[in-house]
């Protein structure tokens, strides 16, 4: 009896890439992938707008693999990312596709904080795809080490961040070094005015792909815990002891608070790692590898790492502080509840900041429920949560922790 064809088969992918997708345990395309693949395979420029965790990287990586002239070699696609962490993950996606498909596609990672001489040496291997940070990519182009004149595909991942401020000038420099006609692919969860202006200028007629879907993943339960600012780290420790979550991401906009939380959890012998903006490449990679492998069950990250991170099986996101903008909240909590799984987002907030919760609810169309710890268990207004004790609507929270 023959097996049913993969839903990806109707999208025009090669047998090699269909085999790679199957080996990666991906059975059905997400809405952004189903919408983007036919457009990108034709070579059209496009803006991919979709919530975090919806598979935008694969949505553009698959068409890139299809459009490469593998035999010709040389850099044919340049993928830019605003953070080293995101660049690492994009590069990993490309290497996985190459490995599982058996296609001789070479992808090279070019980011700062690593030996320049080694990167220059690897460029002699004429990689088909270059993934990197704008500054390092432009430096290598100016030095004549990265030949961009044959690169006909330019991807801006998290384009709303790349096309603003000083980074916009760098991106323009990279674009100028490429051929007159390129396929421009922008991927982001939101769009900024600078992004729209850039796209309209260099790629008029760009297709905008924005599948209809909920602004916020419906698989995420949104909770908040009111506390004094000085008590957040101690409350985090107690919360983790109560929940014992398999894998949790903790976010803070305050680097010092993130460091203090990491030290505290480490002191209490919780397997924790920190992702700090001042870490060099090796330290960042070690932290990500430890968290991805399960050697660390908790990762504490500053806001710079809140976007682009893609770790499997993250069960909880904890905000040590409440983001000022609903969009920032959305980017943080989008790290959980992926691939159809359930996830919890818990935000610690002071009494004076409660108005922020109303903004989240209004702008994002979500409901946040109040929670607290009682006798070592999490209790939630309106019902049980995991091992928590149910509290009926309208019932007062008991005192004490």
Protein backbone atom coordinates (compact mmCIF):
# COMPACT_ATOMS: atom_id res chain seq x y z
CA UNK A 1 0.00 0.00 0.00
CA UNK A 2 1.50 3.34 -1.06
CA UNK A 3 1.89 6.09 1.49
CA UNK A 4 -0.09 9.30 0.93
CA UNK A 5 1.87 12.12 -0.68
CA UNK A 6 3.29 14.81 1.59
CA UNK A 7 1.26 18.04 1.66
CA UNK A 8 4.53 19.73 0.65
CA UNK A 9 4.58 17.79 -2.62
CA UNK A 10 1.94 20.02 -4.22
CA UNK A 11 4.08 23.10 -3.52
CA UNK A 12 6.69 22.21 -6.15
CA UNK A 13 9.59 20.99 -4.04
CA UNK A 14 12.16 18.49 -5.29
CA UNK A 15 12.19 14.86 -4.08
CA UNK A 16 15.41 15.59 -2.19
CA UNK A 17 13.84 18.42 -0.20
CA UNK A 18 10.66 16.43 0.40
CA UNK A 19 12.84 13.69 1.87
CA UNK A 20 14.66 16.23 4.03
CA UNK A 21 11.39 17.60 5.40
CA UNK A 22 10.23 14.09 6.25
CA UNK A 23 13.50 13.38 8.09
CA UNK A 24 13.02 16.61 10.05
CA UNK A 25 9.62 15.27 11.19
CA UNK A 26 7.70 18.08 9.48
CA UNK A 27 4.45 16.73 8.09
CA UNK A 28 2.43 19.75 6.98
CA UNK A 29 3.33 23.27 5.87
CA UNK A 30 2.38 26.13 8.15
CA UNK A 31 0.15 28.86 6.65
CA UNK A 32 3.12 31.12 5.92
CA UNK A 33 5.00 28.27 4.23
CA UNK A 34 2.03 27.25 2.10
CA UNK A 35 1.51 30.87 1.03
CA UNK A 36 5.15 31.81 0.51
CA UNK A 37 6.57 28.81 -1.35
CA UNK A 38 4.70 29.27 -4.66
CA UNK A 39 5.62 32.96 -4.75
CA UNK A 40 9.28 32.55 -3.82
CA UNK A 41 9.83 29.57 -6.11
CA UNK A 42 8.92 31.83 -9.04
CA UNK A 43 11.66 34.22 -8.00
CA UNK A 44 9.33 37.02 -6.92
CA UNK A 45 10.34 39.37 -4.14
CA UNK A 46 8.13 39.08 -1.07
CA UNK A 47 7.53 40.26 2.47
CA UNK A 48 6.60 37.43 4.83
CA UNK A 49 4.60 38.64 7.79
CA UNK A 50 3.61 36.05 10.37
CA UNK A 51 3.70 35.59 14.11
CA UNK A 52 6.78 34.17 15.77
CA UNK A 53 7.18 30.42 15.68
CA UNK A 54 5.33 29.88 12.39
CA UNK A 55 8.23 28.60 10.28
CA UNK A 56 9.29 31.68 8.34
CA UNK A 57 12.90 30.47 8.08
CA UNK A 58 11.92 27.26 6.31
CA UNK A 59 9.46 29.26 4.17
CA UNK A 60 12.37 31.05 2.50
CA UNK A 61 15.13 28.44 2.93
CA UNK A 62 13.33 25.81 0.83
CA UNK A 63 12.91 28.11 -2.21
CA UNK A 64 16.53 29.22 -1.90
CA UNK A 65 17.67 25.58 -2.11
CA UNK A 66 15.43 25.06 -5.13
CA UNK A 67 16.82 28.09 -6.97
CA UNK A 68 20.53 27.47 -6.34
CA UNK A 69 22.81 26.44 -9.18
CA UNK A 70 24.73 23.98 -7.03
CA UNK A 71 27.17 22.95 -9.75
CA UNK A 72 28.17 26.56 -10.45
CA UNK A 73 29.15 27.26 -6.86
CA UNK A 74 29.82 30.71 -5.52
CA UNK A 75 27.67 32.83 -3.24
CA UNK A 76 24.16 33.05 -4.69
CA UNK A 77 22.15 33.95 -1.59
CA UNK A 78 22.91 36.30 1.31
CA UNK A 79 20.82 36.01 4.47
CA UNK A 80 21.12 38.78 7.07
CA UNK A 81 19.98 38.65 10.71
CA UNK A 82 20.07 41.29 13.47
CA UNK A 83 21.51 39.00 16.17
CA UNK A 84 24.17 36.33 16.27
CA UNK A 85 21.71 33.90 17.85
CA UNK A 86 19.26 34.20 14.96
CA UNK A 87 22.07 33.91 12.42
CA UNK A 88 23.25 30.71 14.12
CA UNK A 89 19.77 29.23 13.95
CA UNK A 90 19.27 30.14 10.29
CA UNK A 91 22.65 28.63 9.45
CA UNK A 92 21.71 25.47 11.35
CA UNK A 93 18.45 25.23 9.36
CA UNK A 94 20.42 25.47 6.11
CA UNK A 95 22.98 22.86 7.14
CA UNK A 96 20.20 20.52 8.27
CA UNK A 97 18.46 20.86 4.91
CA UNK A 98 21.72 20.13 3.12
CA UNK A 99 22.46 17.12 5.30
CA UNK A 100 19.00 15.56 5.18
CA UNK A 101 18.48 16.23 1.47
CA UNK A 102 21.89 14.99 0.39
CA UNK A 103 22.31 18.12 -1.73
CA UNK A 104 25.86 19.49 -1.90
CA UNK A 105 24.83 22.92 -0.70
CA UNK A 106 27.44 24.83 1.29
CA UNK A 107 26.30 27.43 3.83
CA UNK A 108 28.74 29.66 5.69
CA UNK A 109 28.13 31.62 8.90
CA UNK A 110 29.69 35.11 8.98
CA UNK A 111 29.25 36.93 12.29
CA UNK A 112 31.38 39.12 14.49
CA UNK A 113 33.18 37.82 17.53
CA UNK A 114 34.87 35.06 15.54
CA UNK A 115 38.27 34.83 13.85
CA UNK A 116 38.18 36.89 10.66
CA UNK A 117 41.06 34.99 9.08
CA UNK A 118 39.21 31.70 9.48
CA UNK A 119 36.10 33.11 7.84
CA UNK A 120 38.15 34.45 4.95
CA UNK A 121 39.71 31.03 4.52
CA UNK A 122 36.27 29.35 4.45
CA UNK A 123 35.09 31.80 1.81
CA UNK A 124 37.66 30.24 -0.53
CA UNK A 125 35.35 27.20 -0.55
CA UNK A 126 32.81 29.34 -2.44
CA UNK A 127 29.73 28.75 -0.29
CA UNK A 128 26.36 28.89 -2.02
CA UNK A 129 24.65 30.60 0.92
CA UNK A 130 26.10 33.14 3.33
CA UNK A 131 24.28 33.77 6.61
CA UNK A 132 25.52 36.55 8.82
CA UNK A 133 25.32 39.85 10.61
CA UNK A 134 25.23 42.93 8.35
CA UNK A 135 28.42 44.47 9.72
CA UNK A 136 30.62 41.43 9.19
CA UNK A 137 29.12 40.67 5.75
CA UNK A 138 29.70 44.22 4.51
CA UNK A 139 33.27 44.27 5.89
CA UNK A 140 34.10 41.11 3.93
CA UNK A 141 32.49 42.50 0.77
CA UNK A 142 34.52 45.72 1.04
CA UNK A 143 37.68 43.68 1.60
CA UNK A 144 37.01 41.81 -1.63
CA UNK A 145 36.79 38.47 0.18
CA UNK A 146 33.04 37.93 -0.24
CA UNK A 147 31.98 38.11 -3.87
CA UNK A 148 28.43 39.43 -3.90
CA UNK A 149 28.15 40.26 -7.59
CA UNK A 150 26.51 36.89 -8.38
CA UNK A 151 24.25 36.75 -5.33
CA UNK A 152 20.74 37.17 -6.69
CA UNK A 153 18.83 36.45 -3.47
CA UNK A 154 18.89 38.76 -0.44
CA UNK A 155 17.02 37.74 2.72
CA UNK A 156 16.43 40.12 5.60
CA UNK A 157 15.25 38.09 8.58
CA UNK A 158 13.63 40.25 11.28
CA UNK A 159 13.62 42.94 8.61
CA UNK A 160 11.84 45.43 10.86
CA UNK A 161 15.00 45.50 12.99
CA UNK A 162 17.49 45.45 10.12
CA UNK A 163 15.93 48.36 8.26
CA UNK A 164 16.22 50.98 10.97
CA UNK A 165 18.97 53.18 12.39
CA UNK A 166 22.60 52.57 11.52
CA UNK A 167 21.88 49.02 10.36
CA UNK A 168 19.84 50.37 7.45
CA UNK A 169 22.95 52.05 6.03
CA UNK A 170 24.86 48.76 6.28
CA UNK A 171 22.10 46.82 4.55
CA UNK A 172 22.01 49.38 1.76
CA UNK A 173 25.76 48.93 1.31
CA UNK A 174 25.34 45.16 0.94
CA UNK A 175 22.48 45.60 -1.51
CA UNK A 176 24.59 48.00 -3.61
CA UNK A 177 27.29 45.33 -4.01
CA UNK A 178 24.78 42.84 -5.46
CA UNK A 179 23.40 42.69 -9.02
CA UNK A 180 20.81 45.20 -10.18
CA UNK A 181 18.00 42.69 -10.07
CA UNK A 182 17.71 40.53 -6.95
CA UNK A 183 14.99 38.58 -5.25
CA UNK A 184 14.38 40.40 -1.98
CA UNK A 185 12.81 38.39 0.85
CA UNK A 186 11.89 40.17 4.07
CA UNK A 187 10.62 38.15 7.03
CA UNK A 188 9.23 39.64 10.23
CA UNK A 189 6.34 39.60 12.64
CA UNK A 190 5.71 43.31 12.19
CA UNK A 191 6.49 46.06 9.69
CA UNK A 192 8.03 49.49 10.31
CA UNK A 193 7.82 52.60 8.07
CA UNK A 194 11.55 52.42 7.26
CA UNK A 195 11.10 48.85 6.07
CA UNK A 196 8.22 49.76 3.77
CA UNK A 197 10.17 52.66 2.26
CA UNK A 198 13.25 50.51 1.61
CA UNK A 199 11.25 47.71 0.02
CA UNK A 200 9.24 50.03 -2.22
CA UNK A 201 12.44 51.70 -3.38
CA UNK A 202 14.57 48.66 -4.28
CA UNK A 203 11.87 46.10 -5.08
CA UNK A 204 8.66 47.78 -6.30
CA UNK A 205 5.81 45.35 -6.77
CA UNK A 206 6.96 43.15 -3.89
CA UNK A 207 4.31 40.61 -2.90
CA UNK A 208 3.10 40.88 0.68
CA UNK A 209 2.27 37.54 2.24
CA UNK A 210 0.35 37.67 5.49
CA UNK A 211 -1.76 34.55 6.06
CA UNK A 212 -4.83 35.06 8.17
CA UNK A 213 -4.18 33.70 11.61
CA UNK A 214 -4.47 34.71 15.21
CA UNK A 215 -2.13 37.53 16.26
CA UNK A 216 -1.19 35.46 19.29
CA UNK A 217 -0.77 31.72 19.39
CA UNK A 218 -4.01 30.35 20.92
CA UNK A 219 -2.05 27.51 22.55
CA UNK A 220 -0.48 29.94 25.05
CA UNK A 221 -2.02 30.53 28.49
CA UNK A 222 -1.29 34.05 29.74
CA UNK A 223 -0.79 34.60 33.48
CA UNK A 224 0.51 37.38 35.69
CA UNK A 225 1.86 37.50 39.22
CA UNK A 226 1.81 40.76 41.17
CA UNK A 227 4.82 41.42 43.38
CA UNK A 228 7.23 44.11 44.51
CA UNK A 229 10.09 44.77 42.11
CA UNK A 230 12.66 43.74 44.73
CA UNK A 231 10.98 40.34 45.16
CA UNK A 232 11.01 39.21 41.52
CA UNK A 233 14.08 36.98 41.65
CA UNK A 234 12.97 35.23 44.83
CA UNK A 235 9.48 34.74 43.36
CA UNK A 236 11.05 33.29 40.22
CA UNK A 237 12.97 30.75 42.29
CA UNK A 238 9.84 29.70 44.16
CA UNK A 239 7.83 29.55 40.95
CA UNK A 240 10.31 27.24 39.27
CA UNK A 241 10.42 25.01 42.35
CA UNK A 242 6.64 24.80 42.29
CA UNK A 243 6.21 24.12 38.58
CA UNK A 244 9.39 22.15 37.89
CA UNK A 245 8.92 22.94 34.18
CA UNK A 246 10.85 20.81 31.68
CA UNK A 247 12.17 23.86 29.83
CA UNK A 248 11.64 27.54 30.61
CA UNK A 249 12.85 30.81 29.11
CA UNK A 250 13.14 33.77 31.47
CA UNK A 251 13.26 37.24 29.91
CA UNK A 252 14.27 40.62 31.34
CA UNK A 253 14.93 44.02 29.82
CA UNK A 254 17.41 44.68 32.65
CA UNK A 255 20.78 42.98 32.13
CA UNK A 256 21.70 43.33 35.81
CA UNK A 257 18.41 41.74 36.86
CA UNK A 258 19.03 38.88 34.43
CA UNK A 259 22.52 38.35 35.87
CA UNK A 260 21.19 38.39 39.44
CA UNK A 261 18.49 35.87 38.58
CA UNK A 262 21.06 33.57 36.99
CA UNK A 263 23.34 33.73 40.02
CA UNK A 264 20.45 33.06 42.39
CA UNK A 265 19.16 30.05 40.46
CA UNK A 266 22.66 28.67 40.11
CA UNK A 267 23.19 29.06 43.87
CA UNK A 268 20.07 26.97 44.46
CA UNK A 269 21.48 24.34 42.08
CA UNK A 270 18.97 24.83 39.30
CA UNK A 271 20.41 23.94 35.87
CA UNK A 272 20.47 27.46 34.41
CA UNK A 273 22.34 29.32 31.67
CA UNK A 274 22.32 32.98 30.72
CA UNK A 275 22.28 34.59 27.27
CA UNK A 276 23.88 38.00 27.74
CA UNK A 277 24.57 40.61 25.02
CA UNK A 278 28.19 40.96 26.17
CA UNK A 279 28.97 37.27 25.73
CA UNK A 280 31.31 36.34 22.90
CA UNK A 281 30.29 33.87 20.22
CA UNK A 282 31.61 30.79 22.02
CA UNK A 283 29.83 31.66 25.28
CA UNK A 284 26.56 32.29 23.46
CA UNK A 285 26.86 29.08 21.51
CA UNK A 286 27.63 27.10 24.67
CA UNK A 287 24.58 28.54 26.44
CA UNK A 288 22.30 27.77 23.50
CA UNK A 289 23.70 24.25 23.11
CA UNK A 290 23.26 23.53 26.83
CA UNK A 291 19.66 24.70 26.76
CA UNK A 292 18.82 22.97 23.50
CA UNK A 293 20.32 19.66 24.67
CA UNK A 294 18.58 19.76 28.05
CA UNK A 295 21.74 20.09 30.13
CA UNK A 296 20.20 23.36 31.29
CA UNK A 297 16.45 23.54 31.93
CA UNK A 298 16.30 27.31 32.43
CA UNK A 299 17.65 30.05 30.18
CA UNK A 300 17.72 33.65 31.37
CA UNK A 301 17.92 36.09 28.47
CA UNK A 302 17.90 39.83 27.96
CA UNK A 303 15.59 41.41 25.40
CA UNK A 304 18.20 41.24 22.66
CA UNK A 305 17.63 37.47 22.62
CA UNK A 306 13.84 37.63 22.78
CA UNK A 307 13.41 37.51 19.02
CA UNK A 308 14.55 34.81 16.68
CA UNK A 309 15.22 32.20 19.35
CA UNK A 310 13.81 28.85 18.36
CA UNK A 311 14.13 26.09 20.94
CA UNK A 312 11.96 22.99 20.92
CA UNK A 313 9.65 22.05 23.78
CA UNK A 314 9.78 25.31 25.73
CA UNK A 315 6.91 24.83 28.18
CA UNK A 316 7.03 28.18 29.97
CA UNK A 317 8.10 31.76 29.33
CA UNK A 318 8.56 33.94 32.41
CA UNK A 319 8.84 37.72 32.12
CA UNK A 320 10.81 39.02 35.08
CA UNK A 321 9.58 42.45 34.06
CA UNK A 322 6.62 43.53 31.96
CA UNK A 323 7.52 44.81 28.47
CA UNK A 324 6.30 48.35 27.87
CA UNK A 325 4.92 47.54 24.42
CA UNK A 326 2.44 44.76 23.56
CA UNK A 327 4.55 43.85 20.53
CA UNK A 328 7.55 43.18 22.77
CA UNK A 329 5.36 40.97 24.95
CA UNK A 330 4.24 39.07 21.85
CA UNK A 331 7.82 38.44 20.73
CA UNK A 332 8.82 37.14 24.14
CA UNK A 333 5.94 34.77 24.75
CA UNK A 334 6.08 33.42 21.20
CA UNK A 335 8.96 31.18 22.30
CA UNK A 336 6.48 28.72 23.86
CA UNK A 337 3.43 26.89 22.58
CA UNK A 338 5.10 25.96 19.29
CA UNK A 339 4.28 23.19 16.83
CA UNK A 340 0.85 22.63 18.31
CA UNK A 341 2.08 22.20 21.89
CA UNK A 342 0.63 24.03 24.87
CA UNK A 343 2.64 26.73 26.60
CA UNK A 344 2.40 29.13 29.52
CA UNK A 345 3.50 32.76 29.71
CA UNK A 346 3.87 34.21 33.22
CA UNK A 347 4.58 37.91 33.71
CA UNK A 348 5.75 39.40 37.01
CA UNK A 349 4.35 42.87 37.49
CA UNK A 350 4.14 45.56 40.16
CA UNK A 351 0.86 47.11 41.23
CA UNK A 352 1.73 50.37 39.46
CA UNK A 353 2.21 48.51 36.17
CA UNK A 354 -1.10 46.67 36.08
CA UNK A 355 -2.32 49.04 33.37
CA UNK A 356 0.14 47.36 30.99
CA UNK A 357 -1.89 44.16 31.22
CA UNK A 358 -4.95 45.95 29.92
CA UNK A 359 -2.90 47.14 26.95
CA UNK A 360 -1.81 43.59 26.19
CA UNK A 361 -5.39 42.38 26.36
CA UNK A 362 -6.73 45.21 24.22
CA UNK A 363 -4.02 45.26 21.55
CA UNK A 364 -3.38 41.52 21.31
CA UNK A 365 -6.85 40.18 22.01
CA UNK A 366 -5.74 37.94 24.86
CA UNK A 367 -6.87 37.29 28.43
CA UNK A 368 -4.41 37.39 31.33
CA UNK A 369 -5.34 35.55 34.53
CA UNK A 370 -3.96 36.39 37.94
CA UNK A 371 -1.86 33.70 39.63
CA UNK A 372 0.14 33.26 42.80
CA UNK A 373 1.87 30.62 44.84
CA UNK A 374 0.13 28.87 47.70
CA UNK A 375 1.73 26.13 49.75
CA UNK A 376 4.28 25.47 47.02
CA UNK A 377 1.73 25.28 44.22
CA UNK A 378 0.57 27.71 41.55
CA UNK A 379 -3.04 28.79 41.87
CA UNK A 380 -4.94 30.72 39.26
CA UNK A 381 -8.08 32.80 39.44
CA UNK A 382 -10.80 30.79 37.76
CA UNK A 383 -9.38 27.29 37.79
CA UNK A 384 -6.52 24.84 38.21
CA UNK A 385 -3.27 25.00 36.34
CA UNK A 386 -0.99 22.02 36.25
CA UNK A 387 -0.50 20.99 39.89
CA UNK A 388 -2.16 24.18 41.11
CA UNK A 389 -5.19 24.52 43.36
CA UNK A 390 -8.38 25.88 41.76
CA UNK A 391 -9.65 29.27 42.85
CA UNK A 392 -13.19 30.11 41.79
CA UNK A 393 -13.87 33.40 40.03
CA UNK A 394 -14.29 36.18 42.55
CA UNK A 395 -12.58 34.33 45.41
CA UNK A 396 -9.95 36.26 47.29
CA UNK A 397 -6.36 35.06 47.09
CA UNK A 398 -5.13 33.63 50.35
CA UNK A 399 -2.31 35.41 52.10
CA UNK A 400 1.27 34.20 52.27
CA UNK A 401 3.37 32.29 49.80
